[in-house]
Amino acid sequence: MGTKVFKTLDEQIEILKNKGLTIEDINYAKDVILRENYFFLMGYRHLFLDPKDKKHFIEGTTFNEMYSLFTFDRQLRNIIFKNILIIENNCKSIFSYVLSSRHGYVEADYLKPDNYNNSPDKAKQVNDLLRKMKRQIRVNGSQHDATKHFISNYGFIPLWVVVKVLSFGITSELFTIMKREDQQAISDEFHVSVDNMNVFLPVLSNYRNLCAHEDILFEHKTQKVIPDNKYHKELDIPFIDHEYIYGKGDVFVVILIFKFLLSKDDFRMFMNEIMYELSSLEGKLHSIPLDKVLDRMGFPKNYAKLLELE
């Protein structure tokens, strides 16, 4: 196995040229590579590689094309991230309202194991998660004005304030340990089933972390797949080997979840932003069609029809 060694910008440019990439402005390319990182940029090369020779680019592929996919993915992350934050805030608010109204709002109540799923197979998860919540309250509680205010003036932090310091990962797991009737009350607010919420939240948490760490998003695959829903059928997504080929474990999953969990106005604004970015990318691609990007994302060609569906 060869040893990886440091390469100068000039050497990195030569590597790309030797792989068949057309570089129209060397100085511009060197500046981009310096700012964005050669390794991260090369993560977007795969769609542009010759299918018969995976080590070389499709003839005519330009550096600007590959960088356009890179910047498109950045915009996609930003758009998806801000909408996940909307859903995260909605969940935290509704969770805290339902649990506080049913079980109490002081720490001794909402951190009591008896107020959660009491089945034996959930006992360890309940206790572990409540310990995580206590730790986040202890570690982060003094860093926010609202939590500091309640500690100083009342000696406790109510749940509707505590959610401010809880990660979305913990918040989504919190749903899985709730009593069934509490899960149902929350799911009803979103007009979805409990089973769907149990899948939607960890998927969104996974994508939230990916967005926050600026990992490649457009071709990300999830470990969890969402259940079939009416939109798979209404969009006429092909059904092969007993499974829909799009909208199961790909980026389109997030769009389908947004369709369920965002308000109509928020979803429309989200879709308009996505369509704008895809249209902009299409104008910058020359060696590959936009359909190739859509396929990698799990987007059916008629994805915009989601705006018309109820």
C-alpha atoms as a PDB file:
ATOM      1  CA  MET A   1       0.000   0.000   0.000  1.00  0.00           C
ATOM      2  CA  GLY A   2       1.433   3.371  -1.038  1.00  0.00           C
ATOM      3  CA  THR A   3       2.104   6.123   1.464  1.00  0.00           C
ATOM      4  CA  LYS A   4       0.054   9.311   1.171  1.00  0.00           C
ATOM      5  CA  VAL A   5       2.272  12.401   1.014  1.00  0.00           C
ATOM      6  CA  PHE A   6       1.624  16.136   0.994  1.00  0.00           C
ATOM      7  CA  LYS A   7       0.903  17.603  -2.441  1.00  0.00           C
ATOM      8  CA  THR A   8       1.286  21.264  -3.362  1.00  0.00           C
ATOM      9  CA  LEU A   9      -1.539  23.114  -5.106  1.00  0.00           C
ATOM     10  CA  ASP A  10       0.319  22.827  -8.405  1.00  0.00           C
ATOM     11  CA  GLU A  11       0.704  19.076  -7.915  1.00  0.00           C
ATOM     12  CA  GLN A  12      -2.989  18.715  -7.071  1.00  0.00           C
ATOM     13  CA  ILE A  13      -3.913  20.599 -10.249  1.00  0.00           C
ATOM     14  CA  GLU A  14      -1.705  18.261 -12.284  1.00  0.00           C
ATOM     15  CA  ILE A  15      -3.393  15.210 -10.741  1.00  0.00           C
ATOM     16  CA  LEU A  16      -6.798  16.530 -11.801  1.00  0.00           C
ATOM     17  CA  LYS A  17      -5.593  17.334 -15.306  1.00  0.00           C
ATOM     18  CA  ASN A  18      -4.051  13.868 -15.631  1.00  0.00           C
ATOM     19  CA  LYS A  19      -7.440  12.407 -14.710  1.00  0.00           C
ATOM     20  CA  GLY A  20      -8.978  14.243 -17.653  1.00  0.00           C
ATOM     21  CA  LEU A  21     -10.545  17.199 -15.836  1.00  0.00           C
ATOM     22  CA  THR A  22     -10.653  20.412 -17.871  1.00  0.00           C
ATOM     23  CA  ILE A  23      -9.425  23.377 -15.820  1.00  0.00           C
ATOM     24  CA  GLU A  24     -10.202  26.646 -17.554  1.00  0.00           C
ATOM     25  CA  ASP A  25      -8.722  29.004 -14.945  1.00  0.00           C
ATOM     26  CA  ILE A  26      -5.762  27.529 -13.069  1.00  0.00           C
ATOM     27  CA  ASN A  27      -5.495  30.345 -10.518  1.00  0.00           C
ATOM     28  CA  TYR A  28      -9.213  30.168  -9.734  1.00  0.00           C
ATOM     29  CA  ALA A  29      -9.006  26.389  -9.294  1.00  0.00           C
ATOM     30  CA  LYS A  30      -6.003  26.689  -6.995  1.00  0.00           C
ATOM     31  CA  ASP A  31      -7.828  29.279  -4.871  1.00  0.00           C
ATOM     32  CA  VAL A  32     -10.908  27.034  -4.603  1.00  0.00           C
ATOM     33  CA  ILE A  33      -8.811  24.003  -3.655  1.00  0.00           C
ATOM     34  CA  LEU A  34      -6.948  26.000  -0.994  1.00  0.00           C
ATOM     35  CA  ARG A  35     -10.192  27.321   0.555  1.00  0.00           C
ATOM     36  CA  GLU A  36     -12.381  24.237   0.195  1.00  0.00           C
ATOM     37  CA  ASN A  37      -9.850  21.380   0.616  1.00  0.00           C
ATOM     38  CA  TYR A  38      -8.859  19.071  -2.236  1.00  0.00           C
ATOM     39  CA  PHE A  39      -9.987  15.966  -0.326  1.00  0.00           C
ATOM     40  CA  PHE A  40     -13.492  17.335   0.351  1.00  0.00           C
ATOM     41  CA  LEU A  41     -13.881  18.618  -3.203  1.00  0.00           C
ATOM     42  CA  MET A  42     -12.921  15.239  -4.657  1.00  0.00           C
ATOM     43  CA  GLY A  43     -15.815  13.703  -2.747  1.00  0.00           C
ATOM     44  CA  TYR A  44     -18.018  15.124  -5.527  1.00  0.00           C
ATOM     45  CA  ARG A  45     -16.134  13.549  -8.442  1.00  0.00           C
ATOM     46  CA  HIS A  46     -18.080  10.280  -8.676  1.00  0.00           C
ATOM     47  CA  LEU A  47     -20.958  11.444 -10.889  1.00  0.00           C
ATOM     48  CA  PHE A  48     -18.414  12.866 -13.336  1.00  0.00           C
ATOM     49  CA  LEU A  49     -16.260   9.753 -13.683  1.00  0.00           C
ATOM     50  CA  ASP A  50     -16.272   7.751 -16.908  1.00  0.00           C
ATOM     51  CA  PRO A  51     -18.411   4.636 -16.224  1.00  0.00           C
ATOM     52  CA  LYS A  52     -15.944   2.568 -18.272  1.00  0.00           C
ATOM     53  CA  ASP A  53     -12.875   3.990 -16.535  1.00  0.00           C
ATOM     54  CA  LYS A  54     -13.605   4.999 -12.948  1.00  0.00           C
ATOM     55  CA  LYS A  55     -10.192   6.663 -12.603  1.00  0.00           C
ATOM     56  CA  HIS A  56     -10.818   9.300 -15.250  1.00  0.00           C
ATOM     57  CA  PHE A  57     -13.433  11.973 -15.795  1.00  0.00           C
ATOM     58  CA  ILE A  58     -16.034  11.940 -18.546  1.00  0.00           C
ATOM     59  CA  GLU A  59     -14.589  13.758 -21.539  1.00  0.00           C
ATOM     60  CA  GLY A  60     -15.331  17.465 -21.319  1.00  0.00           C
ATOM     61  CA  THR A  61     -15.940  17.568 -17.580  1.00  0.00           C
ATOM     62  CA  THR A  62     -14.746  20.877 -16.147  1.00  0.00           C
ATOM     63  CA  PHE A  63     -13.469  21.872 -12.734  1.00  0.00           C
ATOM     64  CA  ASN A  64     -16.267  24.451 -12.540  1.00  0.00           C
ATOM     65  CA  GLU A  65     -18.877  21.715 -12.994  1.00  0.00           C
ATOM     66  CA  MET A  66     -17.533  19.667 -10.115  1.00  0.00           C
ATOM     67  CA  TYR A  67     -17.296  22.762  -7.936  1.00  0.00           C
ATOM     68  CA  SER A  68     -20.880  23.672  -8.889  1.00  0.00           C
ATOM     69  CA  LEU A  69     -22.075  20.335  -7.476  1.00  0.00           C
ATOM     70  CA  PHE A  70     -20.020  21.035  -4.344  1.00  0.00           C
ATOM     71  CA  THR A  71     -21.628  24.477  -3.854  1.00  0.00           C
ATOM     72  CA  PHE A  72     -25.095  23.106  -4.696  1.00  0.00           C
ATOM     73  CA  ASP A  73     -24.688  20.551  -1.918  1.00  0.00           C
ATOM     74  CA  ARG A  74     -23.697  23.324   0.477  1.00  0.00           C
ATOM     75  CA  GLN A  75     -26.858  25.253  -0.357  1.00  0.00           C
ATOM     76  CA  LEU A  76     -28.905  22.062  -0.057  1.00  0.00           C
ATOM     77  CA  ARG A  77     -27.473  21.462   3.425  1.00  0.00           C
ATOM     78  CA  ASN A  78     -28.285  25.030   4.485  1.00  0.00           C
ATOM     79  CA  ILE A  79     -31.873  24.813   3.239  1.00  0.00           C
ATOM     80  CA  ILE A  80     -32.531  21.422   4.798  1.00  0.00           C
ATOM     81  CA  PHE A  81     -30.804  22.365   8.046  1.00  0.00           C
ATOM     82  CA  LYS A  82     -32.900  25.473   8.699  1.00  0.00           C
ATOM     83  CA  ASN A  83     -36.113  23.524   8.077  1.00  0.00           C
ATOM     84  CA  ILE A  84     -35.034  20.701  10.384  1.00  0.00           C
ATOM     85  CA  LEU A  85     -34.515  23.397  13.029  1.00  0.00           C
ATOM     86  CA  ILE A  86     -38.132  24.499  12.542  1.00  0.00           C
ATOM     87  CA  ILE A  87     -39.348  20.943  13.121  1.00  0.00           C
ATOM     88  CA  GLU A  88     -36.952  20.516  16.045  1.00  0.00           C
ATOM     89  CA  ASN A  89     -38.379  23.603  17.730  1.00  0.00           C
ATOM     90  CA  ASN A  90     -41.955  22.464  17.035  1.00  0.00           C
ATOM     91  CA  CYS A  91     -41.207  19.040  18.542  1.00  0.00           C
ATOM     92  CA  LYS A  92     -39.582  20.448  21.642  1.00  0.00           C
ATOM     93  CA  SER A  93     -42.491  22.806  22.237  1.00  0.00           C
ATOM     94  CA  ILE A  94     -45.187  20.158  21.725  1.00  0.00           C
ATOM     95  CA  PHE A  95     -43.284  17.477  23.666  1.00  0.00           C
ATOM     96  CA  SER A  96     -42.845  19.757  26.673  1.00  0.00           C
ATOM     97  CA  TYR A  97     -46.485  20.861  26.584  1.00  0.00           C
ATOM     98  CA  VAL A  98     -47.883  17.322  26.450  1.00  0.00           C
ATOM     99  CA  LEU A  99     -45.546  15.893  29.092  1.00  0.00           C
ATOM    100  CA  SER A 100     -45.912  18.884  31.433  1.00  0.00           C
ATOM    101  CA  SER A 101     -49.705  18.883  31.236  1.00  0.00           C
ATOM    102  CA  ARG A 102     -49.885  15.141  31.860  1.00  0.00           C
ATOM    103  CA  HIS A 103     -47.041  14.460  34.290  1.00  0.00           C
ATOM    104  CA  GLY A 104     -45.864  17.737  35.799  1.00  0.00           C
ATOM    105  CA  TYR A 105     -43.261  20.320  34.896  1.00  0.00           C
ATOM    106  CA  VAL A 106     -40.653  20.218  37.681  1.00  0.00           C
ATOM    107  CA  GLU A 107     -37.583  18.022  37.304  1.00  0.00           C
ATOM    108  CA  ALA A 108     -38.757  15.531  39.926  1.00  0.00           C
ATOM    109  CA  ASP A 109     -41.787  14.851  37.712  1.00  0.00           C
ATOM    110  CA  TYR A 110     -40.534  14.911  34.131  1.00  0.00           C
ATOM    111  CA  LEU A 111     -37.396  12.947  35.054  1.00  0.00           C
ATOM    112  CA  LYS A 112     -39.351  10.242  36.898  1.00  0.00           C
ATOM    113  CA  PRO A 113     -39.085   6.852  35.135  1.00  0.00           C
ATOM    114  CA  ASP A 114     -42.678   5.990  36.091  1.00  0.00           C
ATOM    115  CA  ASN A 115     -43.908   8.685  33.718  1.00  0.00           C
ATOM    116  CA  TYR A 116     -42.482   6.830  30.722  1.00  0.00           C
ATOM    117  CA  ASN A 117     -42.932   3.480  29.007  1.00  0.00           C
ATOM    118  CA  ASN A 118     -42.887   0.911  31.807  1.00  0.00           C
ATOM    119  CA  SER A 119     -42.452  -2.239  29.707  1.00  0.00           C
ATOM    120  CA  PRO A 120     -39.461  -4.352  30.886  1.00  0.00           C
ATOM    121  CA  ASP A 121     -37.697  -4.160  27.509  1.00  0.00           C
ATOM    122  CA  LYS A 122     -37.697  -0.353  27.709  1.00  0.00           C
ATOM    123  CA  ALA A 123     -36.425  -0.036  31.296  1.00  0.00           C
ATOM    124  CA  LYS A 124     -32.740   0.292  30.425  1.00  0.00           C
ATOM    125  CA  GLN A 125     -33.374   2.775  27.616  1.00  0.00           C
ATOM    126  CA  VAL A 126     -35.630   4.890  29.858  1.00  0.00           C
ATOM    127  CA  ASN A 127     -33.059   5.056  32.659  1.00  0.00           C
ATOM    128  CA  ASP A 128     -30.171   5.711  30.256  1.00  0.00           C
ATOM    129  CA  LEU A 129     -31.990   8.519  28.466  1.00  0.00           C
ATOM    130  CA  LEU A 130     -33.125  10.201  31.676  1.00  0.00           C
ATOM    131  CA  ARG A 131     -29.487  10.134  32.840  1.00  0.00           C
ATOM    132  CA  LYS A 132     -28.460  11.796  29.565  1.00  0.00           C
ATOM    133  CA  MET A 133     -31.103  14.463  30.104  1.00  0.00           C
ATOM    134  CA  LYS A 134     -29.888  15.119  33.647  1.00  0.00           C
ATOM    135  CA  ARG A 135     -26.328  15.429  32.346  1.00  0.00           C
ATOM    136  CA  GLN A 136     -27.294  17.903  29.631  1.00  0.00           C
ATOM    137  CA  ILE A 137     -29.232  19.933  32.185  1.00  0.00           C
ATOM    138  CA  ARG A 138     -26.231  19.920  34.523  1.00  0.00           C
ATOM    139  CA  VAL A 139     -23.639  20.714  31.850  1.00  0.00           C
ATOM    140  CA  ASN A 140     -25.612  23.168  29.714  1.00  0.00           C
ATOM    141  CA  GLY A 141     -28.151  24.574  32.163  1.00  0.00           C
ATOM    142  CA  SER A 142     -25.857  27.371  33.327  1.00  0.00           C
ATOM    143  CA  GLN A 143     -25.035  28.499  29.783  1.00  0.00           C
ATOM    144  CA  HIS A 144     -28.459  29.866  28.798  1.00  0.00           C
ATOM    145  CA  ASP A 145     -30.167  32.936  30.242  1.00  0.00           C
ATOM    146  CA  ALA A 146     -33.567  31.252  30.483  1.00  0.00           C
ATOM    147  CA  THR A 147     -32.308  28.185  32.366  1.00  0.00           C
ATOM    148  CA  LYS A 148     -30.123  30.322  34.652  1.00  0.00           C
ATOM    149  CA  HIS A 149     -33.131  32.535  35.401  1.00  0.00           C
ATOM    150  CA  PHE A 150     -35.294  29.617  36.554  1.00  0.00           C
ATOM    151  CA  ILE A 151     -32.509  28.045  38.612  1.00  0.00           C
ATOM    152  CA  SER A 152     -31.774  31.349  40.362  1.00  0.00           C
ATOM    153  CA  ASN A 153     -35.385  32.374  40.983  1.00  0.00           C
ATOM    154  CA  TYR A 154     -37.275  29.114  41.344  1.00  0.00           C
ATOM    155  CA  GLY A 155     -34.707  26.430  42.068  1.00  0.00           C
ATOM    156  CA  PHE A 156     -35.764  24.232  39.139  1.00  0.00           C
ATOM    157  CA  ILE A 157     -36.012  24.325  35.338  1.00  0.00           C
ATOM    158  CA  PRO A 158     -39.430  23.523  33.836  1.00  0.00           C
ATOM    159  CA  LEU A 159     -39.493  21.119  30.920  1.00  0.00           C
ATOM    160  CA  TRP A 160     -40.529  23.803  28.417  1.00  0.00           C
ATOM    161  CA  VAL A 161     -37.241  25.575  29.217  1.00  0.00           C
ATOM    162  CA  VAL A 162     -35.105  22.429  29.565  1.00  0.00           C
ATOM    163  CA  VAL A 163     -35.782  21.493  25.936  1.00  0.00           C
ATOM    164  CA  LYS A 164     -33.628  24.491  25.001  1.00  0.00           C
ATOM    165  CA  VAL A 165     -30.510  22.632  26.149  1.00  0.00           C
ATOM    166  CA  LEU A 166     -31.452  19.175  24.865  1.00  0.00           C
ATOM    167  CA  SER A 167     -29.948  17.957  21.593  1.00  0.00           C
ATOM    168  CA  PHE A 168     -32.329  16.908  18.842  1.00  0.00           C
ATOM    169  CA  GLY A 169     -30.910  13.391  19.153  1.00  0.00           C
ATOM    170  CA  ILE A 170     -32.040  13.185  22.774  1.00  0.00           C
ATOM    171  CA  THR A 171     -35.344  14.872  21.949  1.00  0.00           C
ATOM    172  CA  SER A 172     -36.104  12.332  19.208  1.00  0.00           C
ATOM    173  CA  GLU A 173     -35.147   9.443  21.485  1.00  0.00           C
ATOM    174  CA  LEU A 174     -37.361  10.917  24.198  1.00  0.00           C
ATOM    175  CA  PHE A 175     -40.350  10.249  21.955  1.00  0.00           C
ATOM    176  CA  THR A 176     -39.474   6.537  21.772  1.00  0.00           C
ATOM    177  CA  ILE A 177     -39.638   6.079  25.567  1.00  0.00           C
ATOM    178  CA  MET A 178     -42.922   7.922  26.136  1.00  0.00           C
ATOM    179  CA  LYS A 179     -46.106   6.159  27.093  1.00  0.00           C
ATOM    180  CA  ARG A 180     -48.173   5.234  24.051  1.00  0.00           C
ATOM    181  CA  GLU A 181     -50.938   7.690  24.912  1.00  0.00           C
ATOM    182  CA  ASP A 182     -48.383  10.543  25.107  1.00  0.00           C
ATOM    183  CA  GLN A 183     -46.895   9.534  21.763  1.00  0.00           C
ATOM    184  CA  GLN A 184     -50.388   9.490  20.279  1.00  0.00           C
ATOM    185  CA  ALA A 185     -51.226  12.952  21.600  1.00  0.00           C
ATOM    186  CA  ILE A 186     -48.047  14.356  20.040  1.00  0.00           C
ATOM    187  CA  SER A 187     -48.475  12.525  16.731  1.00  0.00           C
ATOM    188  CA  ASP A 188     -52.014  13.827  16.468  1.00  0.00           C
ATOM    189  CA  GLU A 189     -50.678  17.382  16.574  1.00  0.00           C
ATOM    190  CA  PHE A 190     -48.582  16.599  13.491  1.00  0.00           C
ATOM    191  CA  HIS A 191     -51.405  14.565  11.857  1.00  0.00           C
ATOM    192  CA  VAL A 192     -49.180  11.508  11.450  1.00  0.00           C
ATOM    193  CA  SER A 193     -49.111   8.044  12.987  1.00  0.00           C
ATOM    194  CA  VAL A 194     -46.995   7.110  16.005  1.00  0.00           C
ATOM    195  CA  ASP A 195     -45.139   4.579  13.874  1.00  0.00           C
ATOM    196  CA  ASN A 196     -44.204   7.285  11.378  1.00  0.00           C
ATOM    197  CA  MET A 197     -43.032   9.660  14.103  1.00  0.00           C
ATOM    198  CA  ASN A 198     -40.842   6.907  15.536  1.00  0.00           C
ATOM    199  CA  VAL A 199     -39.012   6.753  12.182  1.00  0.00           C
ATOM    200  CA  PHE A 200     -39.199  10.390  11.077  1.00  0.00           C
ATOM    201  CA  LEU A 201     -37.447  11.841  14.123  1.00  0.00           C
ATOM    202  CA  PRO A 202     -34.250   9.729  14.136  1.00  0.00           C
ATOM    203  CA  VAL A 203     -33.930  10.201  10.355  1.00  0.00           C
ATOM    204  CA  LEU A 204     -34.139  13.975  10.771  1.00  0.00           C
ATOM    205  CA  SER A 205     -31.690  13.831  13.675  1.00  0.00           C
ATOM    206  CA  ASN A 206     -29.243  11.955  11.450  1.00  0.00           C
ATOM    207  CA  TYR A 207     -29.548  14.547   8.692  1.00  0.00           C
ATOM    208  CA  ARG A 208     -29.273  17.391  11.196  1.00  0.00           C
ATOM    209  CA  ASN A 209     -25.896  16.079  12.354  1.00  0.00           C
ATOM    210  CA  LEU A 210     -24.757  15.575   8.772  1.00  0.00           C
ATOM    211  CA  CYS A 211     -25.694  19.169   7.888  1.00  0.00           C
ATOM    212  CA  ALA A 212     -24.010  20.584  10.976  1.00  0.00           C
ATOM    213  CA  HIS A 213     -20.740  18.813  10.136  1.00  0.00           C
ATOM    214  CA  GLU A 214     -20.867  19.730   6.420  1.00  0.00           C
ATOM    215  CA  ASP A 215     -20.716  16.148   5.207  1.00  0.00           C
ATOM    216  CA  ILE A 216     -21.807  15.250   1.670  1.00  0.00           C
ATOM    217  CA  LEU A 217     -25.596  15.396   1.695  1.00  0.00           C
ATOM    218  CA  PHE A 218     -27.057  14.946  -1.790  1.00  0.00           C
ATOM    219  CA  GLU A 219     -26.188  11.224  -2.024  1.00  0.00           C
ATOM    220  CA  HIS A 220     -26.423  10.329   1.667  1.00  0.00           C
ATOM    221  CA  LYS A 221     -28.227   7.090   2.516  1.00  0.00           C
ATOM    222  CA  THR A 222     -29.990   6.492   5.812  1.00  0.00           C
ATOM    223  CA  GLN A 223     -29.880   3.299   7.851  1.00  0.00           C
ATOM    224  CA  LYS A 224     -33.585   3.641   8.625  1.00  0.00           C
ATOM    225  CA  VAL A 225     -36.109   3.601   5.804  1.00  0.00           C
ATOM    226  CA  ILE A 226     -39.451   5.298   6.194  1.00  0.00           C
ATOM    227  CA  PRO A 227     -42.665   3.308   5.709  1.00  0.00           C
ATOM    228  CA  ASP A 228     -44.440   3.483   2.346  1.00  0.00           C
ATOM    229  CA  ASN A 229     -46.866   6.399   2.256  1.00  0.00           C
ATOM    230  CA  LYS A 230     -49.437   7.920  -0.081  1.00  0.00           C
ATOM    231  CA  TYR A 231     -46.902  10.217  -1.742  1.00  0.00           C
ATOM    232  CA  HIS A 232     -44.857   7.301  -3.060  1.00  0.00           C
ATOM    233  CA  LYS A 233     -47.958   6.146  -4.919  1.00  0.00           C
ATOM    234  CA  GLU A 234     -49.234   9.575  -5.964  1.00  0.00           C
ATOM    235  CA  LEU A 235     -45.862  10.458  -7.496  1.00  0.00           C
ATOM    236  CA  ASP A 236     -45.878   7.165  -9.437  1.00  0.00           C
ATOM    237  CA  ILE A 237     -42.473   6.203  -8.042  1.00  0.00           C
ATOM    238  CA  PRO A 238     -41.396   2.886  -9.638  1.00  0.00           C
ATOM    239  CA  PHE A 239     -41.955  -0.160  -7.424  1.00  0.00           C
ATOM    240  CA  ILE A 240     -39.242  -2.779  -7.987  1.00  0.00           C
ATOM    241  CA  ASP A 241     -38.585  -5.952  -5.964  1.00  0.00           C
ATOM    242  CA  HIS A 242     -41.362  -5.045  -3.525  1.00  0.00           C
ATOM    243  CA  GLU A 243     -39.914  -1.594  -2.759  1.00  0.00           C
ATOM    244  CA  TYR A 244     -40.143   1.953  -4.083  1.00  0.00           C
ATOM    245  CA  ILE A 245     -36.843   2.973  -5.666  1.00  0.00           C
ATOM    246  CA  TYR A 246     -37.008   6.576  -4.376  1.00  0.00           C
ATOM    247  CA  GLY A 247     -38.010   8.100  -1.069  1.00  0.00           C
ATOM    248  CA  LYS A 248     -37.049   5.237   1.227  1.00  0.00           C
ATOM    249  CA  GLY A 249     -33.450   5.688   2.422  1.00  0.00           C
ATOM    250  CA  ASP A 250     -32.237   8.649   0.358  1.00  0.00           C
ATOM    251  CA  VAL A 251     -32.376  12.448   0.527  1.00  0.00           C
ATOM    252  CA  PHE A 252     -35.911  12.445  -0.878  1.00  0.00           C
ATOM    253  CA  VAL A 253     -36.935  10.858   2.420  1.00  0.00           C
ATOM    254  CA  VAL A 254     -36.267  14.220   4.085  1.00  0.00           C
ATOM    255  CA  ILE A 255     -38.488  16.006   1.573  1.00  0.00           C
ATOM    256  CA  LEU A 256     -41.310  13.530   2.242  1.00  0.00           C
ATOM    257  CA  ILE A 257     -40.915  13.969   6.001  1.00  0.00           C
ATOM    258  CA  PHE A 258     -41.007  17.749   5.544  1.00  0.00           C
ATOM    259  CA  LYS A 259     -44.239  17.341   3.580  1.00  0.00           C
ATOM    260  CA  PHE A 260     -45.778  15.705   6.655  1.00  0.00           C
ATOM    261  CA  LEU A 261     -44.247  17.810   9.438  1.00  0.00           C
ATOM    262  CA  LEU A 262     -43.796  21.348   8.086  1.00  0.00           C
ATOM    263  CA  SER A 263     -46.663  23.809   7.768  1.00  0.00           C
ATOM    264  CA  LYS A 264     -47.977  24.321   4.235  1.00  0.00           C
ATOM    265  CA  ASP A 265     -46.348  27.745   3.992  1.00  0.00           C
ATOM    266  CA  ASP A 266     -42.989  26.510   5.273  1.00  0.00           C
ATOM    267  CA  PHE A 267     -43.068  23.531   2.913  1.00  0.00           C
ATOM    268  CA  ARG A 268     -43.853  25.742  -0.069  1.00  0.00           C
ATOM    269  CA  MET A 269     -40.960  28.069   0.741  1.00  0.00           C
ATOM    270  CA  PHE A 270     -38.672  25.080   1.190  1.00  0.00           C
ATOM    271  CA  MET A 271     -39.660  23.564  -2.161  1.00  0.00           C
ATOM    272  CA  ASN A 272     -39.244  26.880  -3.968  1.00  0.00           C
ATOM    273  CA  GLU A 273     -35.692  27.132  -2.638  1.00  0.00           C
ATOM    274  CA  ILE A 274     -34.892  23.559  -3.656  1.00  0.00           C
ATOM    275  CA  MET A 275     -36.284  24.062  -7.159  1.00  0.00           C
ATOM    276  CA  TYR A 276     -34.283  27.272  -7.565  1.00  0.00           C
ATOM    277  CA  GLU A 277     -31.021  25.581  -6.555  1.00  0.00           C
ATOM    278  CA  LEU A 278     -31.643  22.597  -8.854  1.00  0.00           C
ATOM    279  CA  SER A 279     -32.458  24.911 -11.760  1.00  0.00           C
ATOM    280  CA  SER A 280     -29.293  26.906 -11.082  1.00  0.00           C
ATOM    281  CA  LEU A 281     -27.210  23.728 -10.979  1.00  0.00           C
ATOM    282  CA  GLU A 282     -28.721  22.500 -14.246  1.00  0.00           C
ATOM    283  CA  GLY A 283     -27.448  25.615 -15.990  1.00  0.00           C
ATOM    284  CA  LYS A 284     -23.898  24.866 -14.841  1.00  0.00           C
ATOM    285  CA  LEU A 285     -23.755  21.191 -15.841  1.00  0.00           C
ATOM    286  CA  HIS A 286     -22.510  20.210 -19.295  1.00  0.00           C
ATOM    287  CA  SER A 287     -20.977  16.737 -19.125  1.00  0.00           C
ATOM    288  CA  ILE A 288     -23.848  15.123 -17.207  1.00  0.00           C
ATOM    289  CA  PRO A 289     -27.621  15.799 -17.155  1.00  0.00           C
ATOM    290  CA  LEU A 290     -29.402  17.049 -14.029  1.00  0.00           C
ATOM    291  CA  ASP A 291     -31.384  13.787 -14.043  1.00  0.00           C
ATOM    292  CA  LYS A 292     -28.207  12.001 -12.990  1.00  0.00           C
ATOM    293  CA  VAL A 293     -27.999  14.201  -9.887  1.00  0.00           C
ATOM    294  CA  LEU A 294     -31.725  13.772  -9.155  1.00  0.00           C
ATOM    295  CA  ASP A 295     -31.380   9.997  -9.383  1.00  0.00           C
ATOM    296  CA  ARG A 296     -28.479  10.002  -6.917  1.00  0.00           C
ATOM    297  CA  MET A 297     -30.584  12.129  -4.548  1.00  0.00           C
ATOM    298  CA  GLY A 298     -33.561   9.794  -4.881  1.00  0.00           C
ATOM    299  CA  PHE A 299     -35.688  12.540  -6.465  1.00  0.00           C
ATOM    300  CA  PRO A 300     -38.282  11.418  -9.026  1.00  0.00           C
ATOM    301  CA  LYS A 301     -38.381  13.746 -12.036  1.00  0.00           C
ATOM    302  CA  ASN A 302     -41.848  14.964 -11.012  1.00  0.00           C
ATOM    303  CA  TYR A 303     -40.784  15.752  -7.417  1.00  0.00           C
ATOM    304  CA  ALA A 304     -42.268  19.276  -7.696  1.00  0.00           C
ATOM    305  CA  LYS A 305     -45.739  17.691  -7.892  1.00  0.00           C
ATOM    306  CA  LEU A 306     -45.523  17.391  -4.087  1.00  0.00           C
ATOM    307  CA  LEU A 307     -46.573  21.049  -3.951  1.00  0.00           C
ATOM    308  CA  GLU A 308     -49.950  20.142  -5.483  1.00  0.00           C
ATOM    309  CA  LEU A 309     -50.638  17.118  -3.278  1.00  0.00           C
ATOM    310  CA  GLU A 310     -52.536  17.235   0.001  1.00  0.00           C
END
